[in-house]
Amino acid sequence: MIPSPAPPSVLGDARVAPLRALVRETDAQTLAEQLELVAIPAPPFGEEARGERVLERFLELGLADVGRDEEGNVLGSIRGAEAGATPLVVAADLDTV
């Protein structure tokens, strides 16, 4: 059996370099937003208030298709520049446990 080639590293992709630079430049703002979110109580099965703020923030940022699924997870999407490109999924957990 011929081994399949290793998948390309997203971090090494030159198209990602501007985004990585932006992440570094906005680090203080990102940390401030994280502190705002974690200050909203979100016990297990009680994440509604935090989820509402995340939903509002997604809308403020201009994400598309923002909403909640049947479990209460907040979802949104950012359209890529290339039609038919492989999607990149980013996920996070809202509760504090």
C-alpha atoms as a PDB file:
ATOM      1  CA  MET A   1       0.000   0.000   0.000  1.00  0.00           C
ATOM      2  CA  ILE A   2       1.331   3.418  -0.967  1.00  0.00           C
ATOM      3  CA  PRO A   3       1.027   5.912   1.894  1.00  0.00           C
ATOM      4  CA  SER A   4      -1.047   8.970   1.119  1.00  0.00           C
ATOM      5  CA  PRO A   5       0.745  12.313   1.209  1.00  0.00           C
ATOM      6  CA  ALA A   6       0.431  14.375   4.361  1.00  0.00           C
ATOM      7  CA  PRO A   7      -2.250  17.057   4.149  1.00  0.00           C
ATOM      8  CA  PRO A   8      -0.921  20.562   3.593  1.00  0.00           C
ATOM      9  CA  SER A   9      -0.523  22.626   6.728  1.00  0.00           C
ATOM     10  CA  VAL A  10      -3.068  25.419   6.970  1.00  0.00           C
ATOM     11  CA  LEU A  11      -0.623  27.498   9.008  1.00  0.00           C
ATOM     12  CA  GLY A  12       2.035  27.189   6.322  1.00  0.00           C
ATOM     13  CA  ASP A  13      -0.346  28.253   3.545  1.00  0.00           C
ATOM     14  CA  ALA A  14       0.737  31.675   2.231  1.00  0.00           C
ATOM     15  CA  ARG A  15      -2.918  32.678   1.858  1.00  0.00           C
ATOM     16  CA  VAL A  16      -3.294  32.429   5.636  1.00  0.00           C
ATOM     17  CA  ALA A  17      -0.346  34.720   6.436  1.00  0.00           C
ATOM     18  CA  PRO A  18      -2.378  37.974   6.366  1.00  0.00           C
ATOM     19  CA  LEU A  19      -4.952  36.446   8.709  1.00  0.00           C
ATOM     20  CA  ARG A  20      -2.243  35.295  11.112  1.00  0.00           C
ATOM     21  CA  ALA A  21      -0.810  38.832  11.123  1.00  0.00           C
ATOM     22  CA  LEU A  22      -4.259  40.268  11.845  1.00  0.00           C
ATOM     23  CA  VAL A  23      -4.694  37.840  14.741  1.00  0.00           C
ATOM     24  CA  ARG A  24      -1.443  39.068  16.272  1.00  0.00           C
ATOM     25  CA  GLU A  25      -2.352  42.738  15.725  1.00  0.00           C
ATOM     26  CA  THR A  26      -5.774  42.367  17.357  1.00  0.00           C
ATOM     27  CA  ASP A  27      -4.703  40.152  20.251  1.00  0.00           C
ATOM     28  CA  ALA A  28      -5.588  42.696  22.978  1.00  0.00           C
ATOM     29  CA  GLN A  29      -9.063  43.239  21.514  1.00  0.00           C
ATOM     30  CA  THR A  30      -9.620  39.485  21.228  1.00  0.00           C
ATOM     31  CA  LEU A  31      -8.653  38.957  24.873  1.00  0.00           C
ATOM     32  CA  ALA A  32     -10.985  41.783  25.964  1.00  0.00           C
ATOM     33  CA  GLU A  33     -13.867  40.175  24.057  1.00  0.00           C
ATOM     34  CA  GLN A  34     -13.093  36.803  25.609  1.00  0.00           C
ATOM     35  CA  LEU A  35     -13.150  38.358  29.079  1.00  0.00           C
ATOM     36  CA  GLU A  36     -16.535  39.926  28.284  1.00  0.00           C
ATOM     37  CA  LEU A  37     -17.927  36.564  27.212  1.00  0.00           C
ATOM     38  CA  VAL A  38     -16.616  34.536  30.146  1.00  0.00           C
ATOM     39  CA  ALA A  39     -18.102  37.089  32.553  1.00  0.00           C
ATOM     40  CA  ILE A  40     -21.572  35.995  31.351  1.00  0.00           C
ATOM     41  CA  PRO A  41     -22.636  32.972  33.422  1.00  0.00           C
ATOM     42  CA  ALA A  42     -22.928  29.773  31.363  1.00  0.00           C
ATOM     43  CA  PRO A  43     -23.426  26.739  33.590  1.00  0.00           C
ATOM     44  CA  PRO A  44     -24.126  23.378  31.925  1.00  0.00           C
ATOM     45  CA  PHE A  45     -27.467  23.537  30.122  1.00  0.00           C
ATOM     46  CA  GLY A  46     -27.693  27.240  30.989  1.00  0.00           C
ATOM     47  CA  GLU A  47     -25.619  28.838  28.240  1.00  0.00           C
ATOM     48  CA  GLU A  48     -28.472  30.884  26.733  1.00  0.00           C
ATOM     49  CA  ALA A  49     -27.281  34.334  27.864  1.00  0.00           C
ATOM     50  CA  ARG A  50     -23.729  33.741  26.679  1.00  0.00           C
ATOM     51  CA  GLY A  51     -25.002  32.248  23.445  1.00  0.00           C
ATOM     52  CA  GLU A  52     -27.180  35.315  22.861  1.00  0.00           C
ATOM     53  CA  ARG A  53     -24.120  37.572  23.169  1.00  0.00           C
ATOM     54  CA  VAL A  54     -22.141  35.347  20.783  1.00  0.00           C
ATOM     55  CA  LEU A  55     -25.031  35.504  18.301  1.00  0.00           C
ATOM     56  CA  GLU A  56     -25.121  39.311  18.584  1.00  0.00           C
ATOM     57  CA  ARG A  57     -21.353  39.478  18.073  1.00  0.00           C
ATOM     58  CA  PHE A  58     -21.532  37.247  14.989  1.00  0.00           C
ATOM     59  CA  LEU A  59     -24.112  39.631  13.524  1.00  0.00           C
ATOM     60  CA  GLU A  60     -21.964  42.676  14.435  1.00  0.00           C
ATOM     61  CA  LEU A  61     -19.042  41.059  12.617  1.00  0.00           C
ATOM     62  CA  GLY A  62     -21.134  40.489   9.508  1.00  0.00           C
ATOM     63  CA  LEU A  63     -21.259  36.698   9.525  1.00  0.00           C
ATOM     64  CA  ALA A  64     -23.878  35.096   7.280  1.00  0.00           C
ATOM     65  CA  ASP A  65     -26.445  32.460   8.188  1.00  0.00           C
ATOM     66  CA  VAL A  66     -26.261  33.349  11.903  1.00  0.00           C
ATOM     67  CA  GLY A  67     -28.568  31.367  14.135  1.00  0.00           C
ATOM     68  CA  ARG A  68     -28.921  28.591  16.677  1.00  0.00           C
ATOM     69  CA  ASP A  69     -29.350  24.899  16.112  1.00  0.00           C
ATOM     70  CA  GLU A  70     -31.718  22.608  18.034  1.00  0.00           C
ATOM     71  CA  GLU A  71     -29.102  22.180  20.788  1.00  0.00           C
ATOM     72  CA  GLY A  72     -28.671  25.938  21.236  1.00  0.00           C
ATOM     73  CA  ASN A  73     -25.277  26.132  19.534  1.00  0.00           C
ATOM     74  CA  VAL A  74     -24.609  29.436  17.806  1.00  0.00           C
ATOM     75  CA  LEU A  75     -23.583  29.094  14.173  1.00  0.00           C
ATOM     76  CA  GLY A  76     -22.493  31.517  11.491  1.00  0.00           C
ATOM     77  CA  SER A  77     -20.491  31.468   8.305  1.00  0.00           C
ATOM     78  CA  ILE A  78     -18.093  33.618   6.367  1.00  0.00           C
ATOM     79  CA  ARG A  79     -18.234  33.172   2.630  1.00  0.00           C
ATOM     80  CA  GLY A  80     -14.950  32.258   1.014  1.00  0.00           C
ATOM     81  CA  ALA A  81     -13.517  34.058  -1.978  1.00  0.00           C
ATOM     82  CA  GLU A  82     -13.481  30.896  -4.096  1.00  0.00           C
ATOM     83  CA  ALA A  83     -16.757  29.210  -5.032  1.00  0.00           C
ATOM     84  CA  GLY A  84     -16.656  25.527  -4.230  1.00  0.00           C
ATOM     85  CA  ALA A  85     -13.594  25.802  -1.992  1.00  0.00           C
ATOM     86  CA  THR A  86     -13.239  23.346   0.872  1.00  0.00           C
ATOM     87  CA  PRO A  87     -14.867  24.875   3.961  1.00  0.00           C
ATOM     88  CA  LEU A  88     -12.892  25.538   7.123  1.00  0.00           C
ATOM     89  CA  VAL A  89     -14.832  24.895  10.335  1.00  0.00           C
ATOM     90  CA  VAL A  90     -14.036  26.673  13.587  1.00  0.00           C
ATOM     91  CA  ALA A  91     -15.851  25.602  16.742  1.00  0.00           C
ATOM     92  CA  ALA A  92     -15.840  26.574  20.402  1.00  0.00           C
ATOM     93  CA  ASP A  93     -17.646  25.618  23.590  1.00  0.00           C
ATOM     94  CA  LEU A  94     -19.754  28.157  25.503  1.00  0.00           C
ATOM     95  CA  ASP A  95     -20.081  26.587  28.935  1.00  0.00           C
ATOM     96  CA  THR A  96     -17.583  26.947  31.758  1.00  0.00           C
ATOM     97  CA  VAL A  97     -17.120  23.308  32.715  1.00  0.00           C
END
